[in-house]
């Protein structure tokens, strides 16, 4: 079974992809950037502020799928500048303070809308 997840608790997709897919006991959430889900506009601020918005977006989408951040088993963090790792990690750690998921963090040349951070996750449904 494969369910497409659509919610107003996360930014609507800005391309041909789903916010998330629930399949075989997992939820696969597309990469999220610092878009306000109400206005669908980019929030301004440093990487910590953007990371906070991204994790709120991920949380909203996961909740709509019947999951939550506490069920995340894998995440990938894409940073525009690896020098922002400590600031991103400080905010990320507030959301995943107990038994954090497996994670990769990579620096990339460019992200959608020139944001500073993008994160995708896989969680248990």
PDB file of N, CA and C in Angstrom:
ATOM      1  N   UNK A   1       0.837  -1.184   0.000  1.00  0.00           N
ATOM      2  CA  UNK A   1       0.000   0.000   0.000  1.00  0.00           C
ATOM      3  C   UNK A   1       0.880   1.246   0.000  1.00  0.00           C
ATOM      4  N   UNK A   2       0.452   2.251  -0.742  1.00  0.00           N
ATOM      5  CA  UNK A   2       1.199   3.498  -0.894  1.00  0.00           C
ATOM      6  C   UNK A   2       0.232   4.658  -0.779  1.00  0.00           C
ATOM      7  N   UNK A   3       0.421   5.502   0.247  1.00  0.00           N
ATOM      8  CA  UNK A   3      -0.460   6.648   0.460  1.00  0.00           C
ATOM      9  C   UNK A   3       0.311   7.939   0.281  1.00  0.00           C
ATOM     10  N   UNK A   4      -0.258   8.847  -0.467  1.00  0.00           N
ATOM     11  CA  UNK A   4       0.311  10.178  -0.629  1.00  0.00           C
ATOM     12  C   UNK A   4      -0.183  11.033   0.537  1.00  0.00           C
ATOM     13  N   UNK A   5       0.744  11.701   1.212  1.00  0.00           N
ATOM     14  CA  UNK A   5       0.411  12.560   2.337  1.00  0.00           C
ATOM     15  C   UNK A   5       0.383  14.010   1.862  1.00  0.00           C
ATOM     16  N   UNK A   6      -0.741  14.682   2.135  1.00  0.00           N
ATOM     17  CA  UNK A   6      -0.899  16.095   1.804  1.00  0.00           C
ATOM     18  C   UNK A   6      -1.465  16.779   3.042  1.00  0.00           C
ATOM     19  N   UNK A   7      -0.817  17.842   3.485  1.00  0.00           N
ATOM     20  CA  UNK A   7      -1.279  18.556   4.675  1.00  0.00           C
ATOM     21  C   UNK A   7      -0.976  20.040   4.571  1.00  0.00           C
ATOM     22  N   UNK A   8      -1.796  20.826   5.250  1.00  0.00           N
ATOM     23  CA  UNK A   8      -1.546  22.263   5.352  1.00  0.00           C
ATOM     24  C   UNK A   8      -0.538  22.560   6.453  1.00  0.00           C
ATOM     25  N   UNK A   9      -0.120  21.526   7.202  1.00  0.00           N
ATOM     26  CA  UNK A   9       0.850  21.695   8.290  1.00  0.00           C
ATOM     27  C   UNK A   9       2.296  21.673   7.807  1.00  0.00           C
ATOM     28  N   UNK A  10       2.460  21.660   6.503  1.00  0.00           N
ATOM     29  CA  UNK A  10       3.772  21.757   5.871  1.00  0.00           C
ATOM     30  C   UNK A  10       3.575  22.495   4.559  1.00  0.00           C
ATOM     31  N   UNK A  11       4.629  23.080   4.019  1.00  0.00           N
ATOM     32  CA  UNK A  11       4.505  23.802   2.751  1.00  0.00           C
ATOM     33  C   UNK A  11       4.032  22.869   1.637  1.00  0.00           C
ATOM     34  N   UNK A  12       3.179  23.390   0.760  1.00  0.00           N
ATOM     35  CA  UNK A  12       2.760  22.546  -0.357  1.00  0.00           C
ATOM     36  C   UNK A  12       3.937  22.344  -1.308  1.00  0.00           C
ATOM     37  N   UNK A  13       3.899  21.238  -2.013  1.00  0.00           N
ATOM     38  CA  UNK A  13       4.988  20.912  -2.932  1.00  0.00           C
ATOM     39  C   UNK A  13       5.116  21.990  -4.001  1.00  0.00           C
ATOM     40  N   UNK A  14       6.348  22.374  -4.301  1.00  0.00           N
ATOM     41  CA  UNK A  14       6.591  23.410  -5.309  1.00  0.00           C
ATOM     42  C   UNK A  14       7.086  22.792  -6.612  1.00  0.00           C
ATOM     43  N   UNK A  15       6.833  21.520  -6.785  1.00  0.00           N
ATOM     44  CA  UNK A  15       7.239  20.799  -7.986  1.00  0.00           C
ATOM     45  C   UNK A  15       6.496  19.479  -8.068  1.00  0.00           C
ATOM     46  N   UNK A  16       6.881  18.626  -8.998  1.00  0.00           N
ATOM     47  CA  UNK A  16       6.200  17.343  -9.169  1.00  0.00           C
ATOM     48  C   UNK A  16       6.684  16.289  -8.161  1.00  0.00           C
ATOM     49  N   UNK A  17       6.342  16.507  -6.909  1.00  0.00           N
ATOM     50  CA  UNK A  17       6.670  15.554  -5.842  1.00  0.00           C
ATOM     51  C   UNK A  17       5.613  15.672  -4.758  1.00  0.00           C
ATOM     52  N   UNK A  18       5.565  14.686  -3.878  1.00  0.00           N
ATOM     53  CA  UNK A  18       4.622  14.687  -2.756  1.00  0.00           C
ATOM     54  C   UNK A  18       5.325  15.179  -1.510  1.00  0.00           C
ATOM     55  N   UNK A  19       4.551  15.756  -0.583  1.00  0.00           N
ATOM     56  CA  UNK A  19       5.126  16.135   0.705  1.00  0.00           C
ATOM     57  C   UNK A  19       5.717  14.899   1.374  1.00  0.00           C
ATOM     58  N   UNK A  20       4.963  13.805   1.318  1.00  0.00           N
ATOM     59  CA  UNK A  20       5.442  12.544   1.895  1.00  0.00           C
ATOM     60  C   UNK A  20       4.671  11.385   1.277  1.00  0.00           C
ATOM     61  N   UNK A  21       5.264  10.216   1.405  1.00  0.00           N
ATOM     62  CA  UNK A  21       4.635   8.962   0.991  1.00  0.00           C
ATOM     63  C   UNK A  21       4.711   8.007   2.174  1.00  0.00           C
ATOM     64  N   UNK A  22       3.572   7.403   2.510  1.00  0.00           N
ATOM     65  CA  UNK A  22       3.548   6.360   3.544  1.00  0.00           C
ATOM     66  C   UNK A  22       3.430   5.032   2.812  1.00  0.00           C
ATOM     67  N   UNK A  23       4.391   4.125   3.079  1.00  0.00           N
ATOM     68  CA  UNK A  23       4.410   2.821   2.410  1.00  0.00           C
ATOM     69  C   UNK A  23       5.126   1.797   3.274  1.00  0.00           C
ATOM     70  N   UNK A  24       4.569   0.611   3.344  1.00  0.00           N
ATOM     71  CA  UNK A  24       5.203  -0.524   4.018  1.00  0.00           C
ATOM     72  C   UNK A  24       5.711  -0.197   5.414  1.00  0.00           C
ATOM     73  N   UNK A  25       4.934   0.539   6.187  1.00  0.00           N
ATOM     74  CA  UNK A  25       5.295   0.829   7.564  1.00  0.00           C
ATOM     75  C   UNK A  25       6.253   1.985   7.755  1.00  0.00           C
ATOM     76  N   UNK A  26       6.546   2.707   6.686  1.00  0.00           N
ATOM     77  CA  UNK A  26       7.461   3.851   6.757  1.00  0.00           C
ATOM     78  C   UNK A  26       6.802   5.091   6.177  1.00  0.00           C
ATOM     79  N   UNK A  27       7.321   6.253   6.566  1.00  0.00           N
ATOM     80  CA  UNK A  27       6.930   7.525   5.972  1.00  0.00           C
ATOM     81  C   UNK A  27       8.196   8.149   5.403  1.00  0.00           C
ATOM     82  N   UNK A  28       8.166   8.457   4.127  1.00  0.00           N
ATOM     83  CA  UNK A  28       9.293   9.070   3.427  1.00  0.00           C
ATOM     84  C   UNK A  28       8.908  10.522   3.152  1.00  0.00           C
ATOM     85  N   UNK A  29       9.568  11.457   3.851  1.00  0.00           N
ATOM     86  CA  UNK A  29       9.223  12.870   3.716  1.00  0.00           C
ATOM     87  C   UNK A  29      10.229  13.544   2.792  1.00  0.00           C
ATOM     88  N   UNK A  30       9.680  14.247   1.804  1.00  0.00           N
ATOM     89  CA  UNK A  30      10.530  14.985   0.867  1.00  0.00           C
ATOM     90  C   UNK A  30      11.330  16.047   1.610  1.00  0.00           C
ATOM     91  N   UNK A  31      12.445  16.438   1.019  1.00  0.00           N
ATOM     92  CA  UNK A  31      13.274  17.480   1.606  1.00  0.00           C
ATOM     93  C   UNK A  31      12.476  18.743   1.861  1.00  0.00           C
ATOM     94  N   UNK A  32      12.639  19.290   3.053  1.00  0.00           N
ATOM     95  CA  UNK A  32      11.926  20.502   3.439  1.00  0.00           C
ATOM     96  C   UNK A  32      12.913  21.644   3.608  1.00  0.00           C
ATOM     97  N   UNK A  33      12.464  22.814   3.165  1.00  0.00           N
ATOM     98  CA  UNK A  33      13.250  24.027   3.353  1.00  0.00           C
ATOM     99  C   UNK A  33      12.434  24.974   4.239  1.00  0.00           C
ATOM    100  N   UNK A  34      12.970  26.124   4.511  1.00  0.00           N
ATOM    101  CA  UNK A  34      12.363  27.055   5.471  1.00  0.00           C
ATOM    102  C   UNK A  34      11.240  27.876   4.852  1.00  0.00           C
ATOM    103  N   UNK A  35      10.205  27.178   4.391  1.00  0.00           N
ATOM    104  CA  UNK A  35       9.017  27.850   3.877  1.00  0.00           C
ATOM    105  C   UNK A  35       7.950  27.874   4.960  1.00  0.00           C
ATOM    106  N   UNK A  36       7.309  29.007   5.129  1.00  0.00           N
ATOM    107  CA  UNK A  36       6.177  29.105   6.039  1.00  0.00           C
ATOM    108  C   UNK A  36       5.005  28.375   5.388  1.00  0.00           C
ATOM    109  N   UNK A  37       4.405  27.381   6.066  1.00  0.00           N
ATOM    110  CA  UNK A  37       3.340  26.610   5.428  1.00  0.00           C
ATOM    111  C   UNK A  37       2.049  27.408   5.204  1.00  0.00           C
ATOM    112  N   UNK A  38       1.852  28.499   5.915  1.00  0.00           N
ATOM    113  CA  UNK A  38       0.641  29.311   5.743  1.00  0.00           C
ATOM    114  C   UNK A  38       0.764  30.195   4.508  1.00  0.00           C
ATOM    115  N   UNK A  39       1.908  30.872   4.379  1.00  0.00           N
ATOM    116  CA  UNK A  39       2.100  31.817   3.272  1.00  0.00           C
ATOM    117  C   UNK A  39       2.885  31.216   2.107  1.00  0.00           C
ATOM    118  N   UNK A  40       3.527  30.079   2.356  1.00  0.00           N
ATOM    119  CA  UNK A  40       4.402  29.415   1.386  1.00  0.00           C
ATOM    120  C   UNK A  40       5.518  30.345   0.911  1.00  0.00           C
ATOM    121  N   UNK A  41       5.944  31.238   1.805  1.00  0.00           N
ATOM    122  CA  UNK A  41       7.067  32.113   1.503  1.00  0.00           C
ATOM    123  C   UNK A  41       8.256  31.726   2.373  1.00  0.00           C
ATOM    124  N   UNK A  42       9.414  32.018   1.877  1.00  0.00           N
ATOM    125  CA  UNK A  42      10.653  31.712   2.578  1.00  0.00           C
ATOM    126  C   UNK A  42      10.794  32.581   3.820  1.00  0.00           C
ATOM    127  N   UNK A  43      11.141  31.964   4.949  1.00  0.00           N
ATOM    128  CA  UNK A  43      11.412  32.742   6.151  1.00  0.00           C
ATOM    129  C   UNK A  43      12.858  33.217   6.090  1.00  0.00           C
ATOM    130  N   UNK A  44      13.098  34.416   6.552  1.00  0.00           N
ATOM    131  CA  UNK A  44      14.462  34.929   6.541  1.00  0.00           C
ATOM    132  C   UNK A  44      15.108  34.624   7.882  1.00  0.00           C
ATOM    133  N   UNK A  45      16.408  34.611   7.890  1.00  0.00           N
ATOM    134  CA  UNK A  45      17.135  34.365   9.122  1.00  0.00           C
ATOM    135  C   UNK A  45      18.347  33.495   8.888  1.00  0.00           C
ATOM    136  N   UNK A  46      19.099  33.294   9.959  1.00  0.00           N
ATOM    137  CA  UNK A  46      20.320  32.501   9.865  1.00  0.00           C
ATOM    138  C   UNK A  46      19.991  31.013   9.788  1.00  0.00           C
ATOM    139  N   UNK A  47      21.020  30.194   9.717  1.00  0.00           N
ATOM    140  CA  UNK A  47      20.811  28.753   9.548  1.00  0.00           C
ATOM    141  C   UNK A  47      20.069  28.142  10.731  1.00  0.00           C
ATOM    142  N   UNK A  48      20.280  28.665  11.928  1.00  0.00           N
ATOM    143  CA  UNK A  48      19.550  28.151  13.085  1.00  0.00           C
ATOM    144  C   UNK A  48      18.066  28.422  12.962  1.00  0.00           C
ATOM    145  N   UNK A  49      17.710  29.624  12.571  1.00  0.00           N
ATOM    146  CA  UNK A  49      16.308  29.993  12.394  1.00  0.00           C
ATOM    147  C   UNK A  49      15.677  29.157  11.285  1.00  0.00           C
ATOM    148  N   UNK A  50      16.400  28.980  10.174  1.00  0.00           N
ATOM    149  CA  UNK A  50      15.887  28.179   9.068  1.00  0.00           C
ATOM    150  C   UNK A  50      15.743  26.710   9.475  1.00  0.00           C
ATOM    151  N   UNK A  51      16.700  26.185  10.221  1.00  0.00           N
ATOM    152  CA  UNK A  51      16.627  24.791  10.674  1.00  0.00           C
ATOM    153  C   UNK A  51      15.392  24.584  11.543  1.00  0.00           C
ATOM    154  N   UNK A  52      15.097  25.527  12.402  1.00  0.00           N
ATOM    155  CA  UNK A  52      13.915  25.437  13.256  1.00  0.00           C
ATOM    156  C   UNK A  52      12.646  25.354  12.406  1.00  0.00           C
ATOM    157  N   UNK A  53      12.517  26.204  11.390  1.00  0.00           N
ATOM    158  CA  UNK A  53      11.333  26.184  10.516  1.00  0.00           C
ATOM    159  C   UNK A  53      11.244  24.860   9.760  1.00  0.00           C
ATOM    160  N   UNK A  54      12.381  24.378   9.271  1.00  0.00           N
ATOM    161  CA  UNK A  54      12.417  23.111   8.536  1.00  0.00           C
ATOM    162  C   UNK A  54      11.920  21.968   9.421  1.00  0.00           C
ATOM    163  N   UNK A  55      12.389  21.915  10.654  1.00  0.00           N
ATOM    164  CA  UNK A  55      11.993  20.825  11.552  1.00  0.00           C
ATOM    165  C   UNK A  55      10.522  20.943  11.960  1.00  0.00           C
ATOM    166  N   UNK A  56      10.004  22.138  12.070  1.00  0.00           N
ATOM    167  CA  UNK A  56       8.571  22.310  12.311  1.00  0.00           C
ATOM    168  C   UNK A  56       7.769  21.798  11.111  1.00  0.00           C
ATOM    169  N   UNK A  57       8.249  22.082   9.901  1.00  0.00           N
ATOM    170  CA  UNK A  57       7.581  21.590   8.698  1.00  0.00           C
ATOM    171  C   UNK A  57       7.593  20.066   8.666  1.00  0.00           C
ATOM    172  N   UNK A  58       8.745  19.478   8.940  1.00  0.00           N
ATOM    173  CA  UNK A  58       8.846  18.016   8.965  1.00  0.00           C
ATOM    174  C   UNK A  58       7.897  17.422   9.996  1.00  0.00           C
ATOM    175  N   UNK A  59       7.833  18.022  11.165  1.00  0.00           N
ATOM    176  CA  UNK A  59       6.956  17.543  12.219  1.00  0.00           C
ATOM    177  C   UNK A  59       5.493  17.572  11.786  1.00  0.00           C
ATOM    178  N   UNK A  60       5.068  18.657  11.172  1.00  0.00           N
ATOM    179  CA  UNK A  60       3.686  18.778  10.714  1.00  0.00           C
ATOM    180  C   UNK A  60       3.325  17.728   9.683  1.00  0.00           C
ATOM    181  N   UNK A  61       4.226  17.487   8.758  1.00  0.00           N
ATOM    182  CA  UNK A  61       3.974  16.487   7.715  1.00  0.00           C
ATOM    183  C   UNK A  61       3.942  15.091   8.321  1.00  0.00           C
ATOM    184  N   UNK A  62       4.884  14.801   9.213  1.00  0.00           N
ATOM    185  CA  UNK A  62       4.899  13.495   9.867  1.00  0.00           C
ATOM    186  C   UNK A  62       3.623  13.263  10.673  1.00  0.00           C
ATOM    187  N   UNK A  63       3.167  14.266  11.387  1.00  0.00           N
ATOM    188  CA  UNK A  63       1.938  14.121  12.166  1.00  0.00           C
ATOM    189  C   UNK A  63       0.748  13.834  11.259  1.00  0.00           C
ATOM    190  N   UNK A  64       0.697  14.493  10.114  1.00  0.00           N
ATOM    191  CA  UNK A  64      -0.388  14.242   9.159  1.00  0.00           C
ATOM    192  C   UNK A  64      -0.356  12.807   8.638  1.00  0.00           C
ATOM    193  N   UNK A  65       0.831  12.216   8.644  1.00  0.00           N
ATOM    194  CA  UNK A  65       0.998  10.830   8.184  1.00  0.00           C
ATOM    195  C   UNK A  65       0.794   9.823   9.307  1.00  0.00           C
ATOM    196  N   UNK A  66       0.474  10.305  10.517  1.00  0.00           N
ATOM    197  CA  UNK A  66       0.294   9.408  11.656  1.00  0.00           C
ATOM    198  C   UNK A  66       1.588   9.008  12.320  1.00  0.00           C
ATOM    199  N   UNK A  67       2.628   9.799  12.117  1.00  0.00           N
ATOM    200  CA  UNK A  67       3.943   9.524  12.677  1.00  0.00           C
ATOM    201  C   UNK A  67       4.377  10.733  13.505  1.00  0.00           C
ATOM    202  N   UNK A  68       5.673  10.897  13.689  1.00  0.00           N
ATOM    203  CA  UNK A  68       6.197  12.040  14.418  1.00  0.00           C
ATOM    204  C   UNK A  68       7.705  12.024  14.419  1.00  0.00           C
ATOM    205  N   UNK A  69       8.303  13.102  14.867  1.00  0.00           N
ATOM    206  CA  UNK A  69       9.765  13.194  14.899  1.00  0.00           C
ATOM    207  C   UNK A  69      10.392  12.093  15.740  1.00  0.00           C
ATOM    208  N   UNK A  70       9.685  11.659  16.796  1.00  0.00           N
ATOM    209  CA  UNK A  70      10.220  10.605  17.661  1.00  0.00           C
ATOM    210  C   UNK A  70      10.319   9.260  16.941  1.00  0.00           C
ATOM    211  N   UNK A  71       9.700   9.148  15.768  1.00  0.00           N
ATOM    212  CA  UNK A  71       9.739   7.902  14.997  1.00  0.00           C
ATOM    213  C   UNK A  71      10.704   7.967  13.810  1.00  0.00           C
ATOM    214  N   UNK A  72      11.426   9.075  13.683  1.00  0.00           N
ATOM    215  CA  UNK A  72      12.381   9.223  12.578  1.00  0.00           C
ATOM    216  C   UNK A  72      13.548   8.262  12.787  1.00  0.00           C
ATOM    217  N   UNK A  73      13.868   7.496  11.751  1.00  0.00           N
ATOM    218  CA  UNK A  73      14.978   6.538  11.818  1.00  0.00           C
ATOM    219  C   UNK A  73      16.180   6.998  10.996  1.00  0.00           C
ATOM    220  N   UNK A  74      15.949   7.925  10.049  1.00  0.00           N
ATOM    221  CA  UNK A  74      17.033   8.365   9.163  1.00  0.00           C
ATOM    222  C   UNK A  74      16.759   9.776   8.704  1.00  0.00           C
ATOM    223  N   UNK A  75      17.786  10.608   8.681  1.00  0.00           N
ATOM    224  CA  UNK A  75      17.644  11.955   8.123  1.00  0.00           C
ATOM    225  C   UNK A  75      18.883  12.301   7.310  1.00  0.00           C
ATOM    226  N   UNK A  76      18.674  13.205   6.380  1.00  0.00           N
ATOM    227  CA  UNK A  76      19.783  13.757   5.610  1.00  0.00           C
ATOM    228  C   UNK A  76      19.669  15.274   5.687  1.00  0.00           C
ATOM    229  N   UNK A  77      20.766  15.901   6.060  1.00  0.00           N
ATOM    230  CA  UNK A  77      20.831  17.357   6.169  1.00  0.00           C
ATOM    231  C   UNK A  77      21.729  17.857   5.048  1.00  0.00           C
ATOM    232  N   UNK A  78      21.205  18.803   4.284  1.00  0.00           N
ATOM    233  CA  UNK A  78      21.966  19.436   3.210  1.00  0.00           C
ATOM    234  C   UNK A  78      22.235  20.878   3.631  1.00  0.00           C
ATOM    235  N   UNK A  79      23.503  21.236   3.722  1.00  0.00           N
ATOM    236  CA  UNK A  79      23.891  22.593   4.120  1.00  0.00           C
ATOM    237  C   UNK A  79      24.544  23.321   2.958  1.00  0.00           C
ATOM    238  N   UNK A  80      24.208  24.578   2.799  1.00  0.00           N
ATOM    239  CA  UNK A  80      24.870  25.409   1.793  1.00  0.00           C
ATOM    240  C   UNK A  80      26.331  25.634   2.179  1.00  0.00           C
ATOM    241  N   UNK A  81      26.576  25.721   3.501  1.00  0.00           N
ATOM    242  CA  UNK A  81      27.931  25.961   3.995  1.00  0.00           C
ATOM    243  C   UNK A  81      28.180  25.053   5.198  1.00  0.00           C
ATOM    244  N   UNK A  82      29.121  24.140   5.092  1.00  0.00           N
ATOM    245  CA  UNK A  82      29.400  23.210   6.192  1.00  0.00           C
ATOM    246  C   UNK A  82      29.880  23.958   7.432  1.00  0.00           C
ATOM    247  N   UNK A  83      30.311  25.197   7.262  1.00  0.00           N
ATOM    248  CA  UNK A  83      30.673  26.032   8.403  1.00  0.00           C
ATOM    249  C   UNK A  83      29.480  26.330   9.308  1.00  0.00           C
ATOM    250  N   UNK A  84      28.259  26.102   8.794  1.00  0.00           N
ATOM    251  CA  UNK A  84      27.042  26.300   9.577  1.00  0.00           C
ATOM    252  C   UNK A  84      26.651  25.047  10.370  1.00  0.00           C
ATOM    253  N   UNK A  85      27.502  24.018  10.326  1.00  0.00           N
ATOM    254  CA  UNK A  85      27.159  22.744  10.964  1.00  0.00           C
ATOM    255  C   UNK A  85      26.819  22.901  12.448  1.00  0.00           C
ATOM    256  N   UNK A  86      27.644  23.595  13.199  1.00  0.00           N
ATOM    257  CA  UNK A  86      27.415  23.715  14.644  1.00  0.00           C
ATOM    258  C   UNK A  86      26.094  24.415  14.952  1.00  0.00           C
ATOM    259  N   UNK A  87      25.778  25.478  14.238  1.00  0.00           N
ATOM    260  CA  UNK A  87      24.531  26.210  14.465  1.00  0.00           C
ATOM    261  C   UNK A  87      23.324  25.352  14.098  1.00  0.00           C
ATOM    262  N   UNK A  88      23.400  24.644  12.976  1.00  0.00           N
ATOM    263  CA  UNK A  88      22.313  23.749  12.583  1.00  0.00           C
ATOM    264  C   UNK A  88      22.170  22.649  13.613  1.00  0.00           C
ATOM    265  N   UNK A  89      23.289  22.059  14.024  1.00  0.00           N
ATOM    266  CA  UNK A  89      23.285  20.918  14.934  1.00  0.00           C
ATOM    267  C   UNK A  89      22.700  21.282  16.301  1.00  0.00           C
ATOM    268  N   UNK A  90      22.924  22.512  16.741  1.00  0.00           N
ATOM    269  CA  UNK A  90      22.394  22.945  18.032  1.00  0.00           C
ATOM    270  C   UNK A  90      20.862  22.935  18.012  1.00  0.00           C
ATOM    271  N   UNK A  91      20.273  23.437  16.938  1.00  0.00           N
ATOM    272  CA  UNK A  91      18.810  23.450  16.810  1.00  0.00           C
ATOM    273  C   UNK A  91      18.296  22.034  16.571  1.00  0.00           C
ATOM    274  N   UNK A  92      18.937  21.295  15.700  1.00  0.00           N
ATOM    275  CA  UNK A  92      18.556  19.917  15.391  1.00  0.00           C
ATOM    276  C   UNK A  92      18.522  19.082  16.672  1.00  0.00           C
ATOM    277  N   UNK A  93      19.502  19.268  17.532  1.00  0.00           N
ATOM    278  CA  UNK A  93      19.591  18.520  18.784  1.00  0.00           C
ATOM    279  C   UNK A  93      18.433  18.789  19.730  1.00  0.00           C
ATOM    280  N   UNK A  94      17.813  19.959  19.642  1.00  0.00           N
ATOM    281  CA  UNK A  94      16.632  20.258  20.465  1.00  0.00           C
ATOM    282  C   UNK A  94      15.432  19.416  20.036  1.00  0.00           C
ATOM    283  N   UNK A  95      15.352  19.103  18.770  1.00  0.00           N
ATOM    284  CA  UNK A  95      14.243  18.303  18.254  1.00  0.00           C
ATOM    285  C   UNK A  95      14.497  16.807  18.403  1.00  0.00           C
ATOM    286  N   UNK A  96      15.755  16.414  18.411  1.00  0.00           N
ATOM    287  CA  UNK A  96      16.122  14.999  18.518  1.00  0.00           C
ATOM    288  C   UNK A  96      17.046  14.812  19.717  1.00  0.00           C
ATOM    289  N   UNK A  97      16.539  15.088  20.903  1.00  0.00           N
ATOM    290  CA  UNK A  97      17.374  15.059  22.101  1.00  0.00           C
ATOM    291  C   UNK A  97      17.548  13.648  22.665  1.00  0.00           C
ATOM    292  N   UNK A  98      16.621  12.759  22.378  1.00  0.00           N
ATOM    293  CA  UNK A  98      16.681  11.401  22.915  1.00  0.00           C
ATOM    294  C   UNK A  98      16.663  10.399  21.771  1.00  0.00           C
ATOM    295  N   UNK A  99      17.643   9.515  21.735  1.00  0.00           N
ATOM    296  CA  UNK A  99      17.743   8.482  20.690  1.00  0.00           C
ATOM    297  C   UNK A  99      17.601   9.079  19.289  1.00  0.00           C
ATOM    298  N   UNK A 100      18.496   9.989  18.916  1.00  0.00           N
ATOM    299  CA  UNK A 100      18.379  10.629  17.605  1.00  0.00           C
ATOM    300  C   UNK A 100      18.531   9.614  16.467  1.00  0.00           C
ATOM    301  N   UNK A 101      17.966   9.951  15.307  1.00  0.00           N
ATOM    302  CA  UNK A 101      18.051   9.042  14.161  1.00  0.00           C
ATOM    303  C   UNK A 101      19.452   9.002  13.565  1.00  0.00           C
ATOM    304  N   UNK A 102      19.671   7.999  12.726  1.00  0.00           N
ATOM    305  CA  UNK A 102      20.882   7.978  11.911  1.00  0.00           C
ATOM    306  C   UNK A 102      20.821   9.196  10.988  1.00  0.00           C
ATOM    307  N   UNK A 103      21.989   9.761  10.669  1.00  0.00           N
ATOM    308  CA  UNK A 103      21.991  11.002   9.893  1.00  0.00           C
ATOM    309  C   UNK A 103      23.241  11.135   9.055  1.00  0.00           C
ATOM    310  N   UNK A 104      23.071  11.741   7.906  1.00  0.00           N
ATOM    311  CA  UNK A 104      24.185  12.222   7.097  1.00  0.00           C
ATOM    312  C   UNK A 104      24.024  13.717   6.949  1.00  0.00           C
ATOM    313  N   UNK A 105      25.144  14.437   6.935  1.00  0.00           N
ATOM    314  CA  UNK A 105      25.121  15.876   6.701  1.00  0.00           C
ATOM    315  C   UNK A 105      26.147  16.175   5.624  1.00  0.00           C
ATOM    316  N   UNK A 106      25.696  16.865   4.585  1.00  0.00           N
ATOM    317  CA  UNK A 106      26.593  17.164   3.473  1.00  0.00           C
ATOM    318  C   UNK A 106      26.482  18.626   3.077  1.00  0.00           C
ATOM    319  N   UNK A 107      27.586  19.154   2.579  1.00  0.00           N
ATOM    320  CA  UNK A 107      27.580  20.498   2.013  1.00  0.00           C
ATOM    321  C   UNK A 107      27.270  20.363   0.527  1.00  0.00           C
ATOM    322  N   UNK A 108      26.392  21.252   0.053  1.00  0.00           N
ATOM    323  CA  UNK A 108      26.009  21.224  -1.352  1.00  0.00           C
ATOM    324  C   UNK A 108      26.265  22.587  -1.981  1.00  0.00           C
ATOM    325  N   UNK A 109      26.367  22.613  -3.293  1.00  0.00           N
ATOM    326  CA  UNK A 109      26.668  23.858  -3.982  1.00  0.00           C
ATOM    327  C   UNK A 109      25.511  24.852  -3.927  1.00  0.00           C
ATOM    328  N   UNK A 110      24.284  24.327  -4.002  1.00  0.00           N
ATOM    329  CA  UNK A 110      23.135  25.228  -4.023  1.00  0.00           C
ATOM    330  C   UNK A 110      21.885  24.454  -3.633  1.00  0.00           C
ATOM    331  N   UNK A 111      20.952  25.152  -2.986  1.00  0.00           N
ATOM    332  CA  UNK A 111      19.689  24.564  -2.564  1.00  0.00           C
ATOM    333  C   UNK A 111      18.536  25.369  -3.153  1.00  0.00           C
ATOM    334  N   UNK A 112      17.328  24.776  -3.212  1.00  0.00           N
ATOM    335  CA  UNK A 112      16.192  25.516  -3.759  1.00  0.00           C
ATOM    336  C   UNK A 112      15.997  26.855  -3.046  1.00  0.00           C
ATOM    337  N   UNK A 113      15.672  27.868  -3.832  1.00  0.00           N
ATOM    338  CA  UNK A 113      15.431  29.228  -3.324  1.00  0.00           C
ATOM    339  C   UNK A 113      16.622  29.792  -2.556  1.00  0.00           C
ATOM    340  N   UNK A 114      17.801  29.216  -2.783  1.00  0.00           N
ATOM    341  CA  UNK A 114      19.046  29.654  -2.141  1.00  0.00           C
ATOM    342  C   UNK A 114      18.982  29.626  -0.615  1.00  0.00           C
ATOM    343  N   UNK A 115      18.234  28.661  -0.052  1.00  0.00           N
ATOM    344  CA  UNK A 115      18.169  28.519   1.401  1.00  0.00           C
ATOM    345  C   UNK A 115      19.500  28.008   1.932  1.00  0.00           C
ATOM    346  N   UNK A 116      19.644  28.031   3.242  1.00  0.00           N
ATOM    347  CA  UNK A 116      20.878  27.600   3.883  1.00  0.00           C
ATOM    348  C   UNK A 116      20.859  26.131   4.293  1.00  0.00           C
ATOM    349  N   UNK A 117      19.637  25.534   4.423  1.00  0.00           N
ATOM    350  CA  UNK A 117      19.522  24.162   4.887  1.00  0.00           C
ATOM    351  C   UNK A 117      18.273  23.497   4.312  1.00  0.00           C
ATOM    352  N   UNK A 118      18.393  22.219   4.022  1.00  0.00           N
ATOM    353  CA  UNK A 118      17.272  21.376   3.619  1.00  0.00           C
ATOM    354  C   UNK A 118      17.439  20.050   4.359  1.00  0.00           C
ATOM    355  N   UNK A 119      16.328  19.484   4.816  1.00  0.00           N
ATOM    356  CA  UNK A 119      16.383  18.204   5.535  1.00  0.00           C
ATOM    357  C   UNK A 119      15.273  17.304   5.030  1.00  0.00           C
ATOM    358  N   UNK A 120      15.604  16.025   4.793  1.00  0.00           N
ATOM    359  CA  UNK A 120      14.565  15.024   4.524  1.00  0.00           C
ATOM    360  C   UNK A 120      14.681  13.929   5.569  1.00  0.00           C
ATOM    361  N   UNK A 121      13.593  13.183   5.773  1.00  0.00           N
ATOM    362  CA  UNK A 121      13.586  12.142   6.784  1.00  0.00           C
ATOM    363  C   UNK A 121      12.821  10.909   6.320  1.00  0.00           C
ATOM    364  N   UNK A 122      13.141   9.798   6.975  1.00  0.00           N
ATOM    365  CA  UNK A 122      12.389   8.556   6.867  1.00  0.00           C
ATOM    366  C   UNK A 122      12.010   8.192   8.289  1.00  0.00           C
ATOM    367  N   UNK A 123      10.717   7.890   8.482  1.00  0.00           N
ATOM    368  CA  UNK A 123      10.217   7.580   9.825  1.00  0.00           C
ATOM    369  C   UNK A 123       9.361   6.324   9.791  1.00  0.00           C
ATOM    370  N   UNK A 124       9.166   5.743  10.967  1.00  0.00           N
ATOM    371  CA  UNK A 124       8.212   4.656  11.099  1.00  0.00           C
ATOM    372  C   UNK A 124       6.806   5.243  11.022  1.00  0.00           C
ATOM    373  N   UNK A 125       5.919   4.533  10.371  1.00  0.00           N
ATOM    374  CA  UNK A 125       4.525   5.024  10.241  1.00  0.00           C
ATOM    375  C   UNK A 125       3.784   4.858  11.544  1.00  0.00           C
TER     376      UNK A 125
END
